[in-house]
Amino acid sequence: MCLYVDTFLCFKQISDLIRYDSCKGEETLVYILTLGVVESYRKRGIAKLLIKEVIKYASSIPVCRGVYLHVIAHNSPAIRLYKRMSFRCVRRLHGFYIINGQHFDAFLFVYFINGSRSPCSPFDLVVLVLNYMRSGIKSVASKITMKHEEKGLKWLKCKDMTRCLLPTQNKRNLASERASSGYDYV
């Protein structure tokens, strides 16, 4: 296995996929450049153990935001391993590898650590939907409250009805009522 602690070179390729916190200053990624197990030793958990050690090492670096790697698109066993280990496939890179003059696609996998996550993680989508629903509920609730208050204004509740001015009454009809009833309104 070959590791590379990356503070700049390959970081550009993945920096848009990691939420950057400017107050934390410099941020780092660990790149697994090569990982291979001799065929006679495969299916014994060696690759998994090596990757766990890399994650443990990267997690011990406070400014490290993730472990990332590339895998050729047709390497199904490796892809299954990374997915089982909670790596996220974040991008397909067309023609990334050139082997014997032939181009092959690669997948970019990331394991987020130290509180880092993708700018558009499932968690962010859930928060976005919940905030949208909450604002919608608040809007509906305020409209219902306003309609309820408007209904309440139509029929003012007053202990002394002679001092209340109903919305249907105005100064003009009060004057005519005063003359016909003989009462003064205050």
N, C-alpha and C. Protein backbone atom coordinates (compact mmCIF):
# COMPACT_ATOMS: atom_id res chain seq x y z
N MET A 1 0.85 -1.16 0.00
CA MET A 1 0.00 0.00 0.00
C MET A 1 0.90 1.23 0.00
N CYS A 2 0.46 2.22 -0.73
CA CYS A 2 1.19 3.47 -0.80
C CYS A 2 0.24 4.59 -0.40
N LEU A 3 0.64 5.39 0.59
CA LEU A 3 -0.18 6.50 1.07
C LEU A 3 0.44 7.82 0.68
N TYR A 4 -0.39 8.82 0.57
CA TYR A 4 0.08 10.15 0.26
C TYR A 4 -0.76 11.13 1.06
N VAL A 5 -0.12 11.91 1.92
CA VAL A 5 -0.85 12.94 2.67
C VAL A 5 -0.85 14.18 1.80
N ASP A 6 -2.03 14.60 1.43
CA ASP A 6 -2.20 15.63 0.41
C ASP A 6 -2.71 16.93 1.01
N THR A 7 -1.94 17.99 0.86
CA THR A 7 -2.42 19.29 1.30
C THR A 7 -2.73 20.21 0.12
N PHE A 8 -2.30 19.82 -1.08
CA PHE A 8 -2.57 20.70 -2.21
C PHE A 8 -2.76 19.98 -3.54
N LEU A 9 -1.86 19.10 -3.92
CA LEU A 9 -1.83 18.58 -5.29
C LEU A 9 -3.14 17.98 -5.74
N CYS A 10 -3.52 16.85 -5.19
CA CYS A 10 -4.76 16.19 -5.61
C CYS A 10 -5.98 16.78 -4.92
N PHE A 11 -5.75 17.63 -3.94
CA PHE A 11 -6.86 18.23 -3.20
C PHE A 11 -7.78 19.00 -4.14
N LYS A 12 -7.23 19.59 -5.20
CA LYS A 12 -8.05 20.35 -6.14
C LYS A 12 -9.12 19.47 -6.77
N GLN A 13 -8.80 18.20 -7.01
CA GLN A 13 -9.73 17.29 -7.67
C GLN A 13 -10.93 16.97 -6.80
N ILE A 14 -10.78 17.08 -5.51
CA ILE A 14 -11.84 16.66 -4.60
C ILE A 14 -12.33 17.78 -3.70
N SER A 15 -11.67 18.94 -3.71
CA SER A 15 -12.00 20.01 -2.76
C SER A 15 -13.45 20.47 -2.87
N ASP A 16 -14.05 20.40 -4.05
CA ASP A 16 -15.45 20.81 -4.19
C ASP A 16 -16.41 19.81 -3.57
N LEU A 17 -15.91 18.64 -3.19
CA LEU A 17 -16.77 17.61 -2.62
C LEU A 17 -16.72 17.58 -1.10
N ILE A 18 -15.88 18.41 -0.52
CA ILE A 18 -15.74 18.43 0.93
C ILE A 18 -16.12 19.81 1.44
N ARG A 19 -16.96 19.82 2.43
CA ARG A 19 -17.39 21.09 3.04
C ARG A 19 -16.18 21.70 3.73
N TYR A 20 -15.82 22.90 3.32
CA TYR A 20 -14.65 23.57 3.86
C TYR A 20 -15.05 24.54 4.96
N ASP A 21 -14.36 24.46 6.07
CA ASP A 21 -14.61 25.36 7.20
C ASP A 21 -13.40 26.28 7.32
N SER A 22 -13.53 27.52 6.89
CA SER A 22 -12.40 28.45 6.84
C SER A 22 -11.81 28.76 8.22
N CYS A 23 -12.59 28.64 9.28
CA CYS A 23 -12.07 28.93 10.61
C CYS A 23 -11.11 27.85 11.09
N LYS A 24 -11.12 26.69 10.45
CA LYS A 24 -10.20 25.62 10.84
C LYS A 24 -8.84 25.75 10.15
N GLY A 25 -8.71 26.70 9.23
CA GLY A 25 -7.43 26.91 8.55
C GLY A 25 -7.15 25.83 7.53
N GLU A 26 -5.90 25.40 7.49
CA GLU A 26 -5.47 24.40 6.51
C GLU A 26 -6.19 23.07 6.72
N GLU A 27 -6.61 22.48 5.63
CA GLU A 27 -7.24 21.17 5.71
C GLU A 27 -6.48 20.19 4.83
N THR A 28 -6.47 18.94 5.24
CA THR A 28 -5.67 17.92 4.59
C THR A 28 -6.52 16.71 4.24
N LEU A 29 -6.08 15.98 3.25
CA LEU A 29 -6.68 14.70 2.88
C LEU A 29 -5.59 13.65 2.81
N VAL A 30 -5.96 12.42 3.03
CA VAL A 30 -5.03 11.31 2.85
C VAL A 30 -5.48 10.55 1.60
N TYR A 31 -4.52 10.31 0.72
CA TYR A 31 -4.81 9.64 -0.55
C TYR A 31 -4.18 8.26 -0.55
N ILE A 32 -4.98 7.24 -0.83
CA ILE A 32 -4.45 5.89 -1.00
C ILE A 32 -4.07 5.77 -2.46
N LEU A 33 -2.76 5.83 -2.71
CA LEU A 33 -2.27 5.81 -4.08
C LEU A 33 -2.38 4.42 -4.69
N THR A 34 -1.96 3.42 -3.94
CA THR A 34 -2.00 2.05 -4.44
C THR A 34 -2.37 1.11 -3.30
N LEU A 35 -3.22 0.16 -3.59
CA LEU A 35 -3.57 -0.88 -2.63
C LEU A 35 -3.73 -2.18 -3.41
N GLY A 36 -2.94 -3.15 -3.05
CA GLY A 36 -3.06 -4.43 -3.73
C GLY A 36 -2.68 -5.56 -2.79
N VAL A 37 -3.32 -6.68 -2.96
CA VAL A 37 -3.03 -7.88 -2.17
C VAL A 37 -2.73 -9.00 -3.16
N VAL A 38 -1.63 -9.72 -2.91
CA VAL A 38 -1.26 -10.84 -3.77
C VAL A 38 -2.42 -11.82 -3.83
N GLU A 39 -2.69 -12.34 -5.01
CA GLU A 39 -3.88 -13.17 -5.25
C GLU A 39 -4.04 -14.32 -4.26
N SER A 40 -2.95 -14.98 -3.90
CA SER A 40 -3.05 -16.12 -2.98
C SER A 40 -3.43 -15.69 -1.55
N TYR A 41 -3.35 -14.39 -1.25
CA TYR A 41 -3.70 -13.89 0.09
C TYR A 41 -5.01 -13.10 0.11
N ARG A 42 -5.70 -13.07 -0.99
CA ARG A 42 -6.97 -12.34 -1.05
C ARG A 42 -8.07 -13.08 -0.29
N LYS A 43 -9.12 -12.35 0.05
CA LYS A 43 -10.28 -12.88 0.79
C LYS A 43 -9.91 -13.27 2.23
N ARG A 44 -8.88 -12.65 2.77
CA ARG A 44 -8.47 -12.93 4.15
C ARG A 44 -8.58 -11.68 5.03
N GLY A 45 -9.13 -10.61 4.48
CA GLY A 45 -9.32 -9.39 5.26
C GLY A 45 -8.10 -8.49 5.33
N ILE A 46 -7.08 -8.78 4.54
CA ILE A 46 -5.85 -7.98 4.60
C ILE A 46 -6.10 -6.55 4.12
N ALA A 47 -6.75 -6.40 2.98
CA ALA A 47 -7.03 -5.06 2.45
C ALA A 47 -7.90 -4.27 3.42
N LYS A 48 -8.89 -4.91 3.99
CA LYS A 48 -9.78 -4.25 4.95
C LYS A 48 -8.99 -3.76 6.17
N LEU A 49 -8.10 -4.60 6.67
CA LEU A 49 -7.27 -4.24 7.81
C LEU A 49 -6.35 -3.06 7.47
N LEU A 50 -5.75 -3.09 6.29
CA LEU A 50 -4.89 -1.99 5.87
C LEU A 50 -5.67 -0.67 5.76
N ILE A 51 -6.85 -0.74 5.18
CA ILE A 51 -7.68 0.46 5.04
C ILE A 51 -8.10 1.00 6.40
N LYS A 52 -8.45 0.10 7.33
CA LYS A 52 -8.80 0.54 8.69
C LYS A 52 -7.64 1.28 9.34
N GLU A 53 -6.43 0.81 9.12
CA GLU A 53 -5.25 1.48 9.67
C GLU A 53 -5.07 2.87 9.05
N VAL A 54 -5.31 2.97 7.77
CA VAL A 54 -5.21 4.28 7.10
C VAL A 54 -6.24 5.24 7.68
N ILE A 55 -7.47 4.77 7.85
CA ILE A 55 -8.53 5.61 8.41
C ILE A 55 -8.17 6.03 9.84
N LYS A 56 -7.64 5.12 10.61
CA LYS A 56 -7.21 5.42 11.98
C LYS A 56 -6.11 6.48 11.97
N TYR A 57 -5.14 6.31 11.08
CA TYR A 57 -4.05 7.28 10.96
C TYR A 57 -4.60 8.66 10.55
N ALA A 58 -5.44 8.69 9.53
CA ALA A 58 -5.99 9.95 9.03
C ALA A 58 -6.84 10.64 10.11
N SER A 59 -7.58 9.86 10.87
CA SER A 59 -8.43 10.42 11.93
C SER A 59 -7.60 11.07 13.04
N SER A 60 -6.35 10.63 13.18
CA SER A 60 -5.48 11.20 14.22
C SER A 60 -4.91 12.56 13.81
N ILE A 61 -5.07 12.94 12.55
CA ILE A 61 -4.61 14.25 12.08
C ILE A 61 -5.80 15.21 12.20
N PRO A 62 -5.75 16.15 13.13
CA PRO A 62 -6.92 17.01 13.38
C PRO A 62 -7.44 17.76 12.15
N VAL A 63 -6.56 18.15 11.24
CA VAL A 63 -7.00 18.93 10.07
C VAL A 63 -7.36 18.06 8.88
N CYS A 64 -7.28 16.75 9.04
CA CYS A 64 -7.60 15.84 7.93
C CYS A 64 -9.11 15.70 7.81
N ARG A 65 -9.62 15.87 6.60
CA ARG A 65 -11.06 15.83 6.34
C ARG A 65 -11.52 14.54 5.69
N GLY A 66 -10.58 13.73 5.17
CA GLY A 66 -11.03 12.50 4.54
C GLY A 66 -9.90 11.68 3.96
N VAL A 67 -10.26 10.44 3.63
CA VAL A 67 -9.36 9.52 2.93
C VAL A 67 -10.00 9.30 1.57
N TYR A 68 -9.21 9.41 0.52
CA TYR A 68 -9.80 9.20 -0.80
C TYR A 68 -8.89 8.36 -1.67
N LEU A 69 -9.48 7.80 -2.71
CA LEU A 69 -8.76 6.91 -3.62
C LEU A 69 -9.49 6.83 -4.94
N HIS A 70 -8.78 6.33 -5.93
CA HIS A 70 -9.37 6.05 -7.24
C HIS A 70 -9.36 4.55 -7.45
N VAL A 71 -10.37 4.06 -8.14
CA VAL A 71 -10.42 2.63 -8.47
C VAL A 71 -10.93 2.52 -9.90
N ILE A 72 -10.31 1.64 -10.66
CA ILE A 72 -10.73 1.44 -12.04
C ILE A 72 -12.16 0.90 -12.05
N ALA A 73 -12.96 1.36 -12.98
CA ALA A 73 -14.40 1.10 -12.98
C ALA A 73 -14.77 -0.37 -13.07
N HIS A 74 -13.90 -1.22 -13.63
CA HIS A 74 -14.26 -2.64 -13.76
C HIS A 74 -13.73 -3.51 -12.62
N ASN A 75 -13.16 -2.91 -11.57
CA ASN A 75 -12.67 -3.67 -10.42
C ASN A 75 -13.79 -3.83 -9.39
N SER A 76 -14.73 -4.70 -9.70
CA SER A 76 -15.91 -4.89 -8.85
C SER A 76 -15.59 -5.33 -7.43
N PRO A 77 -14.64 -6.27 -7.20
CA PRO A 77 -14.35 -6.65 -5.81
C PRO A 77 -13.86 -5.47 -4.96
N ALA A 78 -13.02 -4.63 -5.53
CA ALA A 78 -12.52 -3.46 -4.78
C ALA A 78 -13.65 -2.48 -4.51
N ILE A 79 -14.50 -2.26 -5.49
CA ILE A 79 -15.63 -1.33 -5.33
C ILE A 79 -16.56 -1.82 -4.22
N ARG A 80 -16.84 -3.12 -4.19
CA ARG A 80 -17.69 -3.69 -3.12
C ARG A 80 -17.03 -3.49 -1.75
N LEU A 81 -15.72 -3.70 -1.68
CA LEU A 81 -15.00 -3.53 -0.42
C LEU A 81 -15.11 -2.08 0.07
N TYR A 82 -14.86 -1.12 -0.79
CA TYR A 82 -14.92 0.28 -0.38
C TYR A 82 -16.32 0.67 0.07
N LYS A 83 -17.32 0.19 -0.63
CA LYS A 83 -18.70 0.50 -0.24
C LYS A 83 -19.04 -0.12 1.12
N ARG A 84 -18.60 -1.35 1.34
CA ARG A 84 -18.83 -2.00 2.64
C ARG A 84 -18.14 -1.26 3.77
N MET A 85 -17.04 -0.59 3.45
CA MET A 85 -16.29 0.13 4.48
C MET A 85 -16.74 1.59 4.60
N SER A 86 -17.88 1.91 4.02
CA SER A 86 -18.51 3.24 4.11
C SER A 86 -17.81 4.33 3.31
N PHE A 87 -17.02 3.96 2.33
CA PHE A 87 -16.52 4.95 1.40
C PHE A 87 -17.68 5.34 0.50
N ARG A 88 -17.71 6.59 0.07
CA ARG A 88 -18.77 7.05 -0.82
C ARG A 88 -18.20 7.29 -2.21
N CYS A 89 -18.86 6.73 -3.19
CA CYS A 89 -18.47 6.98 -4.57
C CYS A 89 -19.03 8.35 -4.94
N VAL A 90 -18.13 9.31 -5.16
CA VAL A 90 -18.58 10.68 -5.36
C VAL A 90 -18.45 11.16 -6.81
N ARG A 91 -17.71 10.43 -7.62
CA ARG A 91 -17.52 10.91 -8.99
C ARG A 91 -17.00 9.79 -9.89
N ARG A 92 -17.44 9.82 -11.13
CA ARG A 92 -16.89 8.94 -12.17
C ARG A 92 -16.00 9.79 -13.05
N LEU A 93 -14.78 9.35 -13.24
CA LEU A 93 -13.80 10.10 -14.03
C LEU A 93 -13.55 9.35 -15.33
N HIS A 94 -14.03 9.92 -16.42
CA HIS A 94 -13.92 9.26 -17.73
C HIS A 94 -12.48 9.32 -18.23
N GLY A 95 -11.96 8.17 -18.66
CA GLY A 95 -10.61 8.08 -19.23
C GLY A 95 -9.50 8.40 -18.25
N PHE A 96 -9.72 8.18 -16.97
CA PHE A 96 -8.74 8.53 -15.94
C PHE A 96 -7.46 7.70 -16.06
N TYR A 97 -7.62 6.42 -16.27
CA TYR A 97 -6.46 5.53 -16.40
C TYR A 97 -6.14 5.30 -17.87
N ILE A 98 -4.84 5.26 -18.19
CA ILE A 98 -4.40 4.86 -19.53
C ILE A 98 -3.51 3.64 -19.33
N ILE A 99 -3.99 2.50 -19.78
CA ILE A 99 -3.27 1.23 -19.64
C ILE A 99 -3.06 0.66 -21.03
N ASN A 100 -1.80 0.46 -21.39
CA ASN A 100 -1.44 -0.04 -22.73
C ASN A 100 -2.10 0.80 -23.84
N GLY A 101 -2.10 2.10 -23.64
CA GLY A 101 -2.65 3.01 -24.65
C GLY A 101 -4.17 3.07 -24.69
N GLN A 102 -4.83 2.35 -23.81
CA GLN A 102 -6.29 2.33 -23.78
C GLN A 102 -6.79 3.09 -22.55
N HIS A 103 -7.84 3.87 -22.73
CA HIS A 103 -8.41 4.67 -21.64
C HIS A 103 -9.47 3.87 -20.88
N PHE A 104 -9.42 4.01 -19.54
CA PHE A 104 -10.40 3.35 -18.67
C PHE A 104 -10.94 4.37 -17.67
N ASP A 105 -12.22 4.25 -17.37
CA ASP A 105 -12.85 5.12 -16.38
C ASP A 105 -12.44 4.70 -14.98
N ALA A 106 -12.53 5.65 -14.06
CA ALA A 106 -12.25 5.39 -12.65
C ALA A 106 -13.37 5.98 -11.82
N PHE A 107 -13.53 5.45 -10.62
CA PHE A 107 -14.43 6.02 -9.63
C PHE A 107 -13.59 6.67 -8.55
N LEU A 108 -14.06 7.80 -8.05
CA LEU A 108 -13.41 8.48 -6.94
C LEU A 108 -14.23 8.18 -5.69
N PHE A 109 -13.59 7.55 -4.71
CA PHE A 109 -14.24 7.19 -3.45
C PHE A 109 -13.65 8.05 -2.33
N VAL A 110 -14.51 8.46 -1.39
CA VAL A 110 -14.08 9.27 -0.25
C VAL A 110 -14.66 8.69 1.03
N TYR A 111 -13.84 8.66 2.06
CA TYR A 111 -14.28 8.31 3.41
C TYR A 111 -14.11 9.59 4.23
N PHE A 112 -15.21 10.21 4.62
CA PHE A 112 -15.17 11.47 5.36
C PHE A 112 -14.86 11.22 6.83
N ILE A 113 -13.98 12.06 7.40
CA ILE A 113 -13.59 11.90 8.81
C ILE A 113 -13.55 13.26 9.50
N ASN A 114 -13.39 13.21 10.81
CA ASN A 114 -13.25 14.40 11.66
C ASN A 114 -14.36 15.42 11.43
N GLY A 115 -15.58 14.93 11.32
CA GLY A 115 -16.74 15.81 11.19
C GLY A 115 -16.99 16.35 9.79
N SER A 116 -16.17 15.95 8.85
CA SER A 116 -16.36 16.43 7.47
C SER A 116 -17.44 15.61 6.79
N ARG A 117 -18.05 16.23 5.79
CA ARG A 117 -19.02 15.51 4.98
C ARG A 117 -19.17 16.22 3.66
N SER A 118 -19.80 15.57 2.76
CA SER A 118 -20.03 16.13 1.43
C SER A 118 -20.92 17.36 1.55
N PRO A 119 -20.69 18.39 0.72
CA PRO A 119 -21.56 19.56 0.77
C PRO A 119 -23.02 19.23 0.50
N CYS A 120 -23.26 18.17 -0.19
CA CYS A 120 -24.63 17.78 -0.50
C CYS A 120 -24.87 16.35 -0.03
N SER A 121 -24.71 16.16 1.26
CA SER A 121 -24.90 14.83 1.82
C SER A 121 -26.39 14.55 2.00
N PRO A 122 -26.77 13.29 2.19
CA PRO A 122 -28.18 12.98 2.47
C PRO A 122 -28.70 13.73 3.69
N PHE A 123 -27.84 13.92 4.68
CA PHE A 123 -28.24 14.67 5.87
C PHE A 123 -28.64 16.09 5.49
N ASP A 124 -27.83 16.73 4.62
CA ASP A 124 -28.15 18.09 4.19
C ASP A 124 -29.47 18.14 3.44
N LEU A 125 -29.74 17.13 2.63
CA LEU A 125 -31.01 17.09 1.90
C LEU A 125 -32.19 16.96 2.85
N VAL A 126 -32.04 16.13 3.87
CA VAL A 126 -33.11 15.96 4.87
C VAL A 126 -33.34 17.28 5.60
N VAL A 127 -32.25 17.95 6.01
CA VAL A 127 -32.37 19.24 6.70
C VAL A 127 -33.06 20.26 5.79
N LEU A 128 -32.68 20.28 4.52
CA LEU A 128 -33.29 21.20 3.56
C LEU A 128 -34.79 20.95 3.44
N VAL A 129 -35.19 19.69 3.31
CA VAL A 129 -36.61 19.34 3.18
C VAL A 129 -37.35 19.71 4.46
N LEU A 130 -36.77 19.40 5.61
CA LEU A 130 -37.43 19.73 6.88
C LEU A 130 -37.58 21.24 7.06
N ASN A 131 -36.56 22.00 6.72
CA ASN A 131 -36.66 23.47 6.82
C ASN A 131 -37.72 24.00 5.88
N TYR A 132 -37.80 23.44 4.68
CA TYR A 132 -38.80 23.86 3.71
C TYR A 132 -40.21 23.57 4.24
N MET A 133 -40.39 22.36 4.80
CA MET A 133 -41.69 21.98 5.36
C MET A 133 -42.03 22.88 6.55
N ARG A 134 -41.04 23.16 7.39
CA ARG A 134 -41.27 24.00 8.57
C ARG A 134 -41.71 25.40 8.16
N SER A 135 -41.04 25.97 7.14
CA SER A 135 -41.44 27.31 6.70
C SER A 135 -42.83 27.28 6.07
N GLY A 136 -43.16 26.20 5.37
CA GLY A 136 -44.51 26.07 4.80
C GLY A 136 -45.57 25.98 5.88
N ILE A 137 -45.29 25.21 6.91
CA ILE A 137 -46.23 25.06 8.03
C ILE A 137 -46.40 26.40 8.74
N LYS A 138 -45.29 27.13 8.94
CA LYS A 138 -45.39 28.44 9.59
C LYS A 138 -46.23 29.39 8.75
N SER A 139 -46.05 29.34 7.44
CA SER A 139 -46.81 30.22 6.54
C SER A 139 -48.30 29.91 6.62
N VAL A 140 -48.65 28.64 6.56
CA VAL A 140 -50.05 28.23 6.64
C VAL A 140 -50.63 28.61 8.01
N ALA A 141 -49.86 28.36 9.06
CA ALA A 141 -50.33 28.68 10.41
C ALA A 141 -50.57 30.18 10.56
N SER A 142 -49.68 31.00 10.00
CA SER A 142 -49.88 32.45 10.13
C SER A 142 -51.10 32.91 9.34
N LYS A 143 -51.36 32.30 8.19
CA LYS A 143 -52.55 32.66 7.41
C LYS A 143 -53.82 32.26 8.15
N ILE A 144 -53.80 31.08 8.76
CA ILE A 144 -54.96 30.63 9.53
C ILE A 144 -55.19 31.56 10.71
N THR A 145 -54.12 31.93 11.39
CA THR A 145 -54.21 32.84 12.53
C THR A 145 -54.77 34.19 12.11
N MET A 146 -54.29 34.71 10.97
CA MET A 146 -54.78 36.00 10.48
C MET A 146 -56.26 35.93 10.15
N LYS A 147 -56.71 34.84 9.51
CA LYS A 147 -58.13 34.70 9.18
C LYS A 147 -58.96 34.60 10.45
N HIS A 148 -58.43 33.88 11.45
CA HIS A 148 -59.13 33.75 12.73
C HIS A 148 -59.24 35.11 13.41
N GLU A 149 -58.18 35.91 13.35
CA GLU A 149 -58.21 37.24 13.97
C GLU A 149 -59.19 38.15 13.24
N GLU A 150 -59.23 38.03 11.89
CA GLU A 150 -60.17 38.85 11.12
C GLU A 150 -61.61 38.52 11.49
N LYS A 151 -61.92 37.25 11.69
CA LYS A 151 -63.27 36.85 12.09
C LYS A 151 -63.59 37.41 13.46
N GLY A 152 -62.60 37.41 14.34
CA GLY A 152 -62.79 37.94 15.69
C GLY A 152 -63.09 39.42 15.67
N LEU A 153 -62.52 40.16 14.71
CA LEU A 153 -62.76 41.60 14.62
C LEU A 153 -64.17 41.91 14.15
N LYS A 154 -64.79 41.02 13.38
CA LYS A 154 -66.13 41.27 12.88
C LYS A 154 -67.15 41.35 14.01
N TRP A 155 -66.95 40.58 15.03
CA TRP A 155 -67.89 40.56 16.16
C TRP A 155 -67.11 40.84 17.43
N LEU A 156 -66.93 42.09 17.70
CA LEU A 156 -66.21 42.47 18.90
C LEU A 156 -66.99 42.03 20.13
N LYS A 157 -66.25 41.51 21.09
CA LYS A 157 -66.89 41.11 22.34
C LYS A 157 -66.64 42.23 23.34
N CYS A 158 -67.71 42.72 23.87
CA CYS A 158 -67.61 43.87 24.75
C CYS A 158 -68.66 43.71 25.85
N LYS A 159 -68.27 44.07 27.07
CA LYS A 159 -69.22 43.94 28.17
C LYS A 159 -70.34 44.97 28.06
N ASP A 160 -69.98 46.15 27.68
CA ASP A 160 -70.97 47.22 27.55
C ASP A 160 -71.16 47.50 26.07
N MET A 161 -72.21 46.93 25.47
CA MET A 161 -72.44 47.03 24.03
C MET A 161 -72.66 48.46 23.56
N THR A 162 -73.02 49.35 24.49
CA THR A 162 -73.26 50.74 24.06
C THR A 162 -71.96 51.44 23.71
N ARG A 163 -70.80 50.92 24.14
CA ARG A 163 -69.51 51.56 23.86
C ARG A 163 -68.76 50.89 22.71
N CYS A 164 -69.29 49.84 22.16
CA CYS A 164 -68.59 49.10 21.10
C CYS A 164 -69.00 49.63 19.74
N LEU A 165 -68.05 49.67 18.86
CA LEU A 165 -68.31 50.06 17.48
C LEU A 165 -68.10 48.82 16.62
N LEU A 166 -69.17 48.29 16.08
CA LEU A 166 -69.07 47.12 15.22
C LEU A 166 -68.51 47.51 13.87
N PRO A 167 -67.82 46.60 13.18
CA PRO A 167 -67.25 46.92 11.87
C PRO A 167 -68.29 47.38 10.85
N THR A 168 -69.54 46.95 11.00
CA THR A 168 -70.58 47.36 10.04
C THR A 168 -71.09 48.76 10.33
N GLN A 169 -70.76 49.27 11.52
CA GLN A 169 -71.22 50.60 11.88
C GLN A 169 -70.15 51.63 11.50
N ASN A 170 -70.60 52.79 11.13
CA ASN A 170 -69.68 53.90 10.91
C ASN A 170 -70.29 55.15 11.52
N LYS A 171 -69.60 56.26 11.38
CA LYS A 171 -70.09 57.49 12.02
C LYS A 171 -71.45 57.90 11.47
N ARG A 172 -71.65 57.68 10.20
CA ARG A 172 -72.89 58.11 9.57
C ARG A 172 -74.09 57.34 10.15
N ASN A 173 -74.04 56.01 10.22
CA ASN A 173 -75.19 55.28 10.73
C ASN A 173 -75.30 55.39 12.24
N LEU A 174 -74.20 55.72 12.95
CA LEU A 174 -74.30 55.96 14.38
C LEU A 174 -75.12 57.23 14.65
N ALA A 175 -74.91 58.21 13.84
CA ALA A 175 -75.65 59.47 14.03
C ALA A 175 -77.14 59.24 13.84
N SER A 176 -77.50 58.44 12.83
CA SER A 176 -78.92 58.18 12.60
C SER A 176 -79.50 57.32 13.71
N GLU A 177 -78.69 56.36 14.22
CA GLU A 177 -79.16 55.52 15.32
C GLU A 177 -79.34 56.35 16.59
N ARG A 178 -78.41 57.28 16.80
CA ARG A 178 -78.48 58.13 17.99
C ARG A 178 -79.77 58.96 17.97
N ALA A 179 -80.08 59.49 16.84
CA ALA A 179 -81.29 60.33 16.72
C ALA A 179 -82.55 59.51 16.92
N SER A 180 -82.58 58.28 16.36
CA SER A 180 -83.80 57.47 16.45
C SER A 180 -83.95 56.81 17.81
N SER A 181 -82.83 56.51 18.50
CA SER A 181 -82.94 55.79 19.76
C SER A 181 -83.01 56.72 20.95
N GLY A 182 -82.45 57.90 20.81
CA GLY A 182 -82.46 58.82 21.93
C GLY A 182 -81.27 58.63 22.86
N TYR A 183 -80.39 57.69 22.57
CA TYR A 183 -79.20 57.45 23.39
C TYR A 183 -77.99 58.12 22.78
N ASP A 184 -77.07 58.54 23.63
CA ASP A 184 -75.79 59.08 23.17
C ASP A 184 -74.74 57.98 23.22
N TYR A 185 -73.93 57.91 22.17
CA TYR A 185 -72.83 56.93 22.13
C TYR A 185 -71.53 57.62 22.46
N VAL A 186 -70.72 56.99 23.27
CA VAL A 186 -69.44 57.55 23.68
C VAL A 186 -68.33 56.90 22.91
